[in-house]
């Protein structure tokens, strides 16, 4: 009997201890929950998001896209297709017009070059004629100079004889052999001979000056008169200068036309074939046009494919607006994957949006944000490092649901 009472008392004590333990557990759980709510901010809904880049057609034509699959990793600059367009009538017409103008300018330059060569040949011939004329004039002046020199010598010899005769007659007058008149005539003749010598000396100097002038192509006897070769030579030299100016203008035109033709050809090359390349290292998100091997027509500016930038993946969390005062840009946050792995990724708040402001960015992101409910914020969290399991084949985890916990202790 006593043994049964003792067992009953032990059971009562055990139940009392279990009740106390349960009460303490509930209190501890409530305290822990309240503490978490005070030091943490939890998101209602969250998902991973990323930036999408659209690849557009640069020119109209036939699109031939290489086989692409969503989730395929692309390197930066990797060629994924091409656009061919063999027709561009406006650029082709411009090219033909420029080439016609270039041919005309080149023919004009050829004519001017031939004209300059012919004028230069005439200049060479006339220069030869002018040199020959100068040589003959110098020769003529030299002969005149020699003649004047001979006449001077004859006058000097006559002067010597006249002086001797005058002196002899002067002695004969003193001796009374001849009359004074005859002596005066001899003196007069000597003076005349002396004047002739002076005139011949002056004439000799004039011929020397003429010879020097002829050697320099000058004329001193009268006003300068040009011969026909000299006049024609001057005209041809002026004409050659004008032709060289025209050649310089035509060559400048030819250089400019060649430059424009090169630019037109480059534009034609770009308009005939445009290679489609990935602008970044990313993942194929979607292929808008599947062209096949034959290709499909496409217009300039049409989207071809979308590429996901895995270097810009973030988490978007929807949080009650009453927590706005406890949130700030740069605040630490933990992103927990809800795929069963319970993987946690550290990050920080980079943007806080409320109301309809979040709708604007929905056009360039992989997952457009849903409409916010009343009194709700959209908070973007930058991930410090993307886990390796969120690979390209998994689209870097974009669209995956997460829970975001913000550290509000500071």
Protein backbone atom coordinates (compact mmCIF):
# COMPACT_ATOMS: atom_id res chain seq x y z
CA UNK A 1 0.00 0.00 0.00
CA UNK A 2 2.71 2.43 1.01
CA UNK A 3 4.60 1.45 -2.06
CA UNK A 4 1.66 2.44 -4.31
CA UNK A 5 1.30 5.81 -2.59
CA UNK A 6 5.01 6.49 -3.09
CA UNK A 7 4.78 5.73 -6.80
CA UNK A 8 1.78 8.04 -7.16
CA UNK A 9 3.64 10.86 -5.39
CA UNK A 10 6.64 10.37 -7.69
CA UNK A 11 4.38 10.56 -10.74
CA UNK A 12 2.80 13.76 -9.48
CA UNK A 13 6.24 15.30 -8.92
CA UNK A 14 7.35 14.20 -12.41
CA UNK A 15 4.26 15.71 -14.03
CA UNK A 16 4.79 18.91 -12.03
CA UNK A 17 8.43 19.08 -13.19
CA UNK A 18 7.39 18.46 -16.82
CA UNK A 19 4.76 21.20 -16.56
CA UNK A 20 7.32 23.61 -15.15
CA UNK A 21 9.81 22.65 -17.88
CA UNK A 22 7.17 23.17 -20.54
CA UNK A 23 6.25 26.55 -19.08
CA UNK A 24 9.91 27.57 -18.92
CA UNK A 25 10.39 26.41 -22.54
CA UNK A 26 7.43 28.47 -23.68
CA UNK A 27 8.75 31.50 -21.83
CA UNK A 28 12.26 30.98 -23.29
CA UNK A 29 10.84 30.53 -26.78
CA UNK A 30 8.73 33.66 -26.42
CA UNK A 31 11.73 35.58 -25.07
CA UNK A 32 13.92 34.31 -27.92
CA UNK A 33 11.23 35.22 -30.48
CA UNK A 34 10.83 38.70 -28.99
CA UNK A 35 14.60 39.14 -28.95
CA UNK A 36 14.84 38.07 -32.59
CA UNK A 37 12.08 40.49 -33.52
CA UNK A 38 13.85 43.29 -31.72
CA UNK A 39 17.30 42.65 -33.25
CA UNK A 40 16.31 41.25 -36.66
CA UNK A 41 14.06 42.26 -39.52
CA UNK A 42 12.60 39.41 -41.57
CA UNK A 43 11.34 39.57 -45.12
CA UNK A 44 7.84 38.44 -45.99
CA UNK A 45 8.83 37.31 -49.47
CA UNK A 46 12.21 37.25 -51.20
CA UNK A 47 13.81 36.06 -54.43
CA UNK A 48 17.07 36.31 -56.32
CA UNK A 49 17.19 38.69 -59.26
CA UNK A 50 19.69 39.76 -61.93
CA UNK A 51 20.29 42.19 -64.77
CA UNK A 52 19.26 41.24 -68.28
CA UNK A 53 20.98 42.70 -71.35
CA UNK A 54 19.10 42.66 -74.63
CA UNK A 55 21.08 41.98 -77.80
CA UNK A 56 19.59 43.93 -80.71
CA UNK A 57 20.00 43.72 -84.47
CA UNK A 58 22.24 46.56 -85.66
CA UNK A 59 21.21 46.40 -89.32
CA UNK A 60 18.23 45.04 -91.27
CA UNK A 61 18.73 41.83 -93.17
CA UNK A 62 18.68 38.06 -92.77
CA UNK A 63 19.38 36.81 -89.26
CA UNK A 64 21.38 33.59 -88.96
CA UNK A 65 21.67 32.71 -85.29
CA UNK A 66 23.95 29.92 -84.12
CA UNK A 67 22.40 27.17 -81.94
CA UNK A 68 21.81 28.63 -78.49
CA UNK A 69 20.21 27.10 -75.43
CA UNK A 70 18.95 28.93 -72.34
CA UNK A 71 21.47 28.43 -69.57
CA UNK A 72 24.39 28.36 -71.99
CA UNK A 73 27.44 30.25 -70.71
CA UNK A 74 28.81 32.90 -73.09
CA UNK A 75 32.16 34.61 -72.92
CA UNK A 76 32.53 38.33 -73.56
CA UNK A 77 32.73 39.03 -77.30
CA UNK A 78 31.65 35.50 -78.26
CA UNK A 79 29.97 35.44 -81.67
CA UNK A 80 26.47 33.99 -81.54
CA UNK A 81 25.24 34.81 -85.04
CA UNK A 82 25.31 37.25 -87.94
CA UNK A 83 23.05 39.43 -90.04
CA UNK A 84 23.55 39.52 -93.81
CA UNK A 85 22.25 42.28 -96.04
CA UNK A 86 23.57 42.36 -99.59
CA UNK A 87 21.42 45.30 -100.63
CA UNK A 88 21.85 48.90 -99.65
CA UNK A 89 20.89 51.01 -102.69
CA UNK A 90 21.60 54.40 -101.17
CA UNK A 91 25.17 53.62 -100.10
CA UNK A 92 25.83 51.77 -103.36
CA UNK A 93 24.62 54.80 -105.36
CA UNK A 94 26.81 57.11 -103.29
CA UNK A 95 29.80 54.84 -103.89
CA UNK A 96 29.26 54.80 -107.65
CA UNK A 97 28.89 58.59 -107.75
CA UNK A 98 32.10 59.05 -105.78
CA UNK A 99 33.99 56.63 -108.00
CA UNK A 100 32.75 58.50 -111.09
CA UNK A 101 33.92 61.80 -109.65
CA UNK A 102 37.24 60.18 -108.74
CA UNK A 103 37.74 58.92 -112.32
CA UNK A 104 36.98 62.40 -113.71
CA UNK A 105 39.44 64.00 -111.27
CA UNK A 106 42.13 61.45 -112.14
CA UNK A 107 41.67 62.11 -115.88
CA UNK A 108 41.85 65.83 -115.21
CA UNK A 109 45.08 65.33 -113.27
CA UNK A 110 46.50 63.26 -116.15
CA UNK A 111 45.66 66.02 -118.63
CA UNK A 112 47.27 68.63 -116.41
CA UNK A 113 50.40 66.51 -115.98
CA UNK A 114 50.72 66.08 -119.73
CA UNK A 115 50.17 69.80 -120.23
CA UNK A 116 52.85 70.58 -117.67
CA UNK A 117 55.30 68.19 -119.34
CA UNK A 118 54.72 69.80 -122.75
CA UNK A 119 55.16 73.28 -121.29
CA UNK A 120 58.35 72.22 -119.54
CA UNK A 121 59.71 70.85 -122.82
CA UNK A 122 58.98 74.18 -124.52
CA UNK A 123 60.63 75.99 -121.62
CA UNK A 124 63.72 73.83 -122.06
CA UNK A 125 63.86 74.56 -125.82
CA UNK A 126 63.28 78.29 -125.35
CA UNK A 127 65.87 78.38 -122.58
CA UNK A 128 68.31 76.84 -125.04
CA UNK A 129 67.40 79.49 -127.61
CA UNK A 130 67.81 82.23 -125.00
CA UNK A 131 71.20 80.88 -123.97
CA UNK A 132 72.26 80.77 -127.63
CA UNK A 133 71.06 84.32 -128.13
CA UNK A 134 73.01 85.48 -125.06
CA UNK A 135 76.09 83.65 -126.33
CA UNK A 136 75.85 85.41 -129.70
CA UNK A 137 75.30 88.80 -128.08
CA UNK A 138 78.36 88.26 -125.89
CA UNK A 139 80.38 87.23 -128.93
CA UNK A 140 79.22 90.31 -130.82
CA UNK A 141 80.16 92.52 -127.86
CA UNK A 142 83.56 90.85 -127.61
CA UNK A 143 84.23 91.50 -131.30
CA UNK A 144 83.19 95.13 -130.93
CA UNK A 145 85.46 95.39 -127.91
CA UNK A 146 88.38 93.96 -129.89
CA UNK A 147 87.70 96.39 -132.72
CA UNK A 148 87.58 99.33 -130.32
CA UNK A 149 90.80 98.19 -128.71
CA UNK A 150 92.51 98.05 -132.12
CA UNK A 151 91.22 101.51 -132.99
CA UNK A 152 92.52 102.80 -129.66
CA UNK A 153 95.97 101.42 -130.39
CA UNK A 154 95.97 103.05 -133.83
CA UNK A 155 94.91 106.36 -132.29
CA UNK A 156 97.65 106.08 -129.68
CA UNK A 157 100.24 105.44 -132.41
CA UNK A 158 98.92 108.40 -134.41
CA UNK A 159 99.13 110.53 -131.26
CA UNK A 160 102.75 109.54 -130.77
CA UNK A 161 103.61 110.50 -134.35
CA UNK A 162 101.69 113.77 -134.06
CA UNK A 163 103.54 114.73 -130.90
CA UNK A 164 106.93 113.93 -132.49
CA UNK A 165 106.03 115.96 -135.58
CA UNK A 166 104.87 118.94 -133.46
CA UNK A 167 108.05 118.86 -131.44
CA UNK A 168 110.17 118.65 -134.62
CA UNK A 169 108.38 121.59 -136.22
CA UNK A 170 108.76 123.59 -133.04
CA UNK A 171 112.55 123.08 -133.24
CA UNK A 172 112.56 124.01 -136.93
CA UNK A 173 110.67 127.24 -136.16
CA UNK A 174 113.32 128.18 -133.64
CA UNK A 175 115.97 127.48 -136.27
CA UNK A 176 113.99 129.48 -138.84
CA UNK A 177 113.69 126.55 -141.19
CA UNK A 178 109.88 126.57 -141.37
CA UNK A 179 107.19 129.11 -140.75
CA UNK A 180 105.34 129.51 -137.49
CA UNK A 181 102.08 128.58 -139.22
CA UNK A 182 103.40 125.19 -140.14
CA UNK A 183 104.50 124.56 -136.55
CA UNK A 184 101.09 125.65 -135.24
CA UNK A 185 99.42 123.20 -137.60
CA UNK A 186 101.59 120.37 -136.29
CA UNK A 187 100.73 121.26 -132.66
CA UNK A 188 97.07 121.41 -133.57
CA UNK A 189 97.24 117.99 -135.21
CA UNK A 190 98.86 116.58 -132.05
CA UNK A 191 96.07 117.95 -129.93
CA UNK A 192 93.48 116.49 -132.28
CA UNK A 193 95.19 113.12 -132.10
CA UNK A 194 95.17 113.30 -128.30
CA UNK A 195 91.40 113.97 -128.35
CA UNK A 196 90.88 111.02 -130.66
CA UNK A 197 92.73 108.80 -128.18
CA UNK A 198 90.48 109.97 -125.35
CA UNK A 199 87.39 109.28 -127.44
CA UNK A 200 88.64 105.81 -128.31
CA UNK A 201 89.34 105.09 -124.63
CA UNK A 202 85.79 106.15 -123.72
CA UNK A 203 84.41 104.00 -126.53
CA UNK A 204 86.47 101.05 -125.27
CA UNK A 205 85.06 101.43 -121.77
CA UNK A 206 81.53 101.56 -123.18
CA UNK A 207 82.11 98.29 -125.11
CA UNK A 208 83.47 96.67 -121.93
CA UNK A 209 80.34 97.70 -120.05
CA UNK A 210 78.13 96.36 -122.86
CA UNK A 211 80.00 93.06 -122.78
CA UNK A 212 79.43 92.70 -119.05
CA UNK A 213 75.75 93.58 -119.52
CA UNK A 214 75.29 91.00 -122.30
CA UNK A 215 76.89 88.33 -120.14
CA UNK A 216 74.24 89.10 -117.49
CA UNK A 217 71.44 89.21 -120.05
CA UNK A 218 71.07 92.99 -119.90
CA UNK A 219 70.84 95.64 -122.56
CA UNK A 220 72.27 99.17 -122.11
CA UNK A 221 72.14 100.78 -125.54
CA UNK A 222 68.35 101.36 -125.37
CA UNK A 223 65.24 100.29 -123.51
CA UNK A 224 65.17 96.54 -122.84
CA UNK A 225 63.47 94.74 -125.72
CA UNK A 226 62.71 91.04 -125.39
CA UNK A 227 63.00 88.63 -128.24
CA UNK A 228 60.19 86.19 -129.05
CA UNK A 229 61.86 83.27 -127.19
CA UNK A 230 62.26 85.41 -124.09
CA UNK A 231 58.65 86.64 -124.19
CA UNK A 232 57.33 83.13 -124.77
CA UNK A 233 59.57 81.75 -122.03
CA UNK A 234 58.13 84.16 -119.47
CA UNK A 235 54.57 83.27 -120.53
CA UNK A 236 55.29 79.57 -120.27
CA UNK A 237 56.84 79.90 -116.81
CA UNK A 238 53.73 81.73 -115.57
CA UNK A 239 51.52 79.08 -117.19
CA UNK A 240 53.48 76.24 -115.51
CA UNK A 241 52.99 77.89 -112.10
CA UNK A 242 49.22 78.06 -112.73
CA UNK A 243 49.14 74.43 -113.91
CA UNK A 244 50.96 73.27 -110.76
CA UNK A 245 48.36 75.09 -108.66
CA UNK A 246 45.57 73.31 -110.57
CA UNK A 247 47.36 69.96 -110.11
CA UNK A 248 47.59 70.56 -106.35
CA UNK A 249 43.84 71.30 -106.20
CA UNK A 250 42.97 68.19 -108.22
CA UNK A 251 45.23 65.99 -106.08
CA UNK A 252 43.56 67.32 -102.93
CA UNK A 253 40.17 66.51 -104.47
CA UNK A 254 41.36 63.01 -105.39
CA UNK A 255 42.63 62.39 -101.85
CA UNK A 256 39.31 63.55 -100.38
CA UNK A 257 37.30 61.38 -102.79
CA UNK A 258 39.44 58.33 -101.97
CA UNK A 259 38.85 58.94 -98.28
CA UNK A 260 35.09 59.22 -98.80
CA UNK A 261 35.07 56.06 -100.94
CA UNK A 262 36.96 54.20 -98.20
CA UNK A 263 34.39 55.35 -95.62
CA UNK A 264 31.53 54.32 -97.91
CA UNK A 265 33.09 50.88 -98.42
CA UNK A 266 33.49 50.48 -94.67
CA UNK A 267 29.85 51.44 -94.17
CA UNK A 268 28.82 49.01 -96.89
CA UNK A 269 30.85 46.27 -95.22
CA UNK A 270 29.16 47.03 -91.91
CA UNK A 271 25.72 47.19 -93.55
CA UNK A 272 26.26 43.97 -95.50
CA UNK A 273 27.45 41.88 -92.58
CA UNK A 274 26.95 42.51 -88.87
CA UNK A 275 28.30 39.98 -86.44
CA UNK A 276 26.26 39.45 -83.29
CA UNK A 277 28.44 39.15 -80.20
CA UNK A 278 27.79 38.79 -76.52
CA UNK A 279 28.48 42.13 -74.81
CA UNK A 280 29.39 40.50 -71.48
CA UNK A 281 30.32 37.19 -69.92
CA UNK A 282 26.90 35.89 -69.05
CA UNK A 283 24.21 33.24 -69.46
CA UNK A 284 21.65 32.93 -72.25
CA UNK A 285 18.35 33.81 -70.62
CA UNK A 286 16.13 33.49 -73.66
CA UNK A 287 16.38 33.32 -77.45
CA UNK A 288 13.77 35.57 -79.02
CA UNK A 289 14.30 34.55 -82.66
CA UNK A 290 15.40 31.07 -83.69
CA UNK A 291 16.58 31.51 -87.27
CA UNK A 292 17.69 28.07 -88.33
CA UNK A 293 20.26 27.54 -91.09
CA UNK A 294 18.36 29.55 -93.73
CA UNK A 295 17.84 32.60 -91.55
CA UNK A 296 14.87 34.87 -91.05
CA UNK A 297 14.29 38.52 -92.02
CA UNK A 298 14.81 41.02 -89.25
CA UNK A 299 14.74 44.79 -88.88
CA UNK A 300 17.33 47.02 -87.28
CA UNK A 301 16.68 47.40 -83.56
CA UNK A 302 14.75 44.14 -83.16
CA UNK A 303 15.79 42.11 -80.08
CA UNK A 304 17.59 38.86 -80.83
CA UNK A 305 18.36 37.33 -77.45
CA UNK A 306 18.64 38.16 -73.73
CA UNK A 307 21.76 37.55 -71.67
CA UNK A 308 21.84 37.36 -67.88
CA UNK A 309 24.74 39.08 -66.12
CA UNK A 310 25.76 36.70 -63.33
CA UNK A 311 28.14 39.31 -61.96
CA UNK A 312 25.15 41.40 -60.92
CA UNK A 313 22.85 39.06 -58.97
CA UNK A 314 21.06 40.41 -55.92
CA UNK A 315 18.20 39.50 -53.59
CA UNK A 316 14.93 41.43 -53.52
CA UNK A 317 13.06 41.22 -50.23
CA UNK A 318 9.55 42.50 -49.45
CA UNK A 319 9.42 43.92 -45.92
CA UNK A 320 6.67 45.55 -43.93
CA UNK A 321 6.82 49.33 -44.20
CA UNK A 322 6.74 49.71 -40.42
CA UNK A 323 10.31 48.38 -40.41
CA UNK A 324 11.49 51.31 -42.54
CA UNK A 325 13.10 53.08 -39.60
CA UNK A 326 15.18 49.98 -38.84
CA UNK A 327 16.52 49.66 -42.39
CA UNK A 328 19.26 51.66 -44.09
CA UNK A 329 21.54 51.43 -47.13
CA UNK A 330 24.72 49.50 -46.32
CA UNK A 331 23.06 47.51 -43.54
CA UNK A 332 24.31 43.87 -43.19
CA UNK A 333 21.90 41.15 -44.24
CA UNK A 334 21.78 37.36 -44.51
CA UNK A 335 20.12 35.71 -47.50
CA UNK A 336 18.91 32.16 -46.85
CA UNK A 337 18.12 29.89 -49.76
CA UNK A 338 14.77 28.12 -49.50
CA UNK A 339 15.72 25.24 -51.79
CA UNK A 340 16.24 22.81 -48.94
CA UNK A 341 19.98 23.42 -48.70
CA UNK A 342 19.51 26.11 -46.00
CA UNK A 343 22.54 27.89 -47.53
CA UNK A 344 23.19 31.35 -46.14
CA UNK A 345 24.83 34.16 -48.12
CA UNK A 346 26.04 37.40 -46.59
CA UNK A 347 25.29 40.73 -48.20
CA UNK A 348 24.32 44.35 -47.62
CA UNK A 349 21.40 46.61 -48.45
CA UNK A 350 21.97 48.65 -51.61
CA UNK A 351 18.51 50.10 -52.26
CA UNK A 352 15.20 50.57 -50.47
CA UNK A 353 12.13 51.33 -52.55
CA UNK A 354 8.52 51.84 -51.67
CA UNK A 355 5.29 52.32 -53.54
CA UNK A 356 5.24 52.27 -57.36
CA UNK A 357 8.94 53.23 -57.60
CA UNK A 358 9.96 49.58 -57.89
CA UNK A 359 8.01 49.15 -61.14
CA UNK A 360 10.54 51.23 -63.15
CA UNK A 361 13.38 48.72 -62.82
CA UNK A 362 11.19 45.79 -63.77
CA UNK A 363 11.97 46.36 -67.44
CA UNK A 364 15.68 45.44 -67.26
CA UNK A 365 15.68 42.71 -64.61
CA UNK A 366 15.25 38.99 -65.04
CA UNK A 367 12.31 38.74 -62.60
CA UNK A 368 10.05 41.81 -62.63
CA UNK A 369 8.95 42.60 -59.08
CA UNK A 370 5.34 41.85 -58.17
CA UNK A 371 2.96 44.56 -57.14
CA UNK A 372 3.66 45.66 -53.60
CA UNK A 373 0.89 45.21 -51.10
CA UNK A 374 -0.11 48.09 -48.92
CA UNK A 375 2.52 49.32 -46.46
CA UNK A 376 5.32 47.24 -47.94
CA UNK A 377 8.91 47.98 -48.99
CA UNK A 378 11.11 46.38 -51.63
CA UNK A 379 14.71 46.08 -50.39
CA UNK A 380 17.56 45.06 -52.71
CA UNK A 381 20.50 43.22 -51.13
CA UNK A 382 23.85 42.85 -52.86
CA UNK A 383 25.42 39.42 -52.38
CA UNK A 384 29.04 39.38 -51.29
CA UNK A 385 29.70 36.11 -53.12
CA UNK A 386 27.51 33.90 -55.26
CA UNK A 387 27.67 30.21 -54.22
CA UNK A 388 29.25 27.89 -56.82
CA UNK A 389 26.17 25.66 -56.91
CA UNK A 390 24.22 28.58 -58.44
CA UNK A 391 25.87 27.91 -61.80
CA UNK A 392 25.04 29.07 -65.30
CA UNK A 393 22.89 26.00 -65.92
CA UNK A 394 20.80 27.13 -62.94
CA UNK A 395 20.70 30.71 -64.28
CA UNK A 396 22.85 31.74 -61.30
CA UNK A 397 19.88 31.12 -59.01
CA UNK A 398 17.84 34.00 -60.46
CA UNK A 399 14.15 33.58 -59.63
CA UNK A 400 14.86 31.33 -56.66
CA UNK A 401 12.96 32.07 -53.43
CA UNK A 402 14.95 33.26 -50.42
CA UNK A 403 14.44 34.65 -46.97
CA UNK A 404 16.35 37.80 -46.07
CA UNK A 405 17.17 38.67 -42.46
CA UNK A 406 18.46 42.16 -41.70
CA UNK A 407 20.65 42.88 -38.70
CA UNK A 408 18.93 45.77 -36.86
CA UNK A 409 21.03 45.82 -33.70
CA UNK A 410 23.08 48.81 -34.81
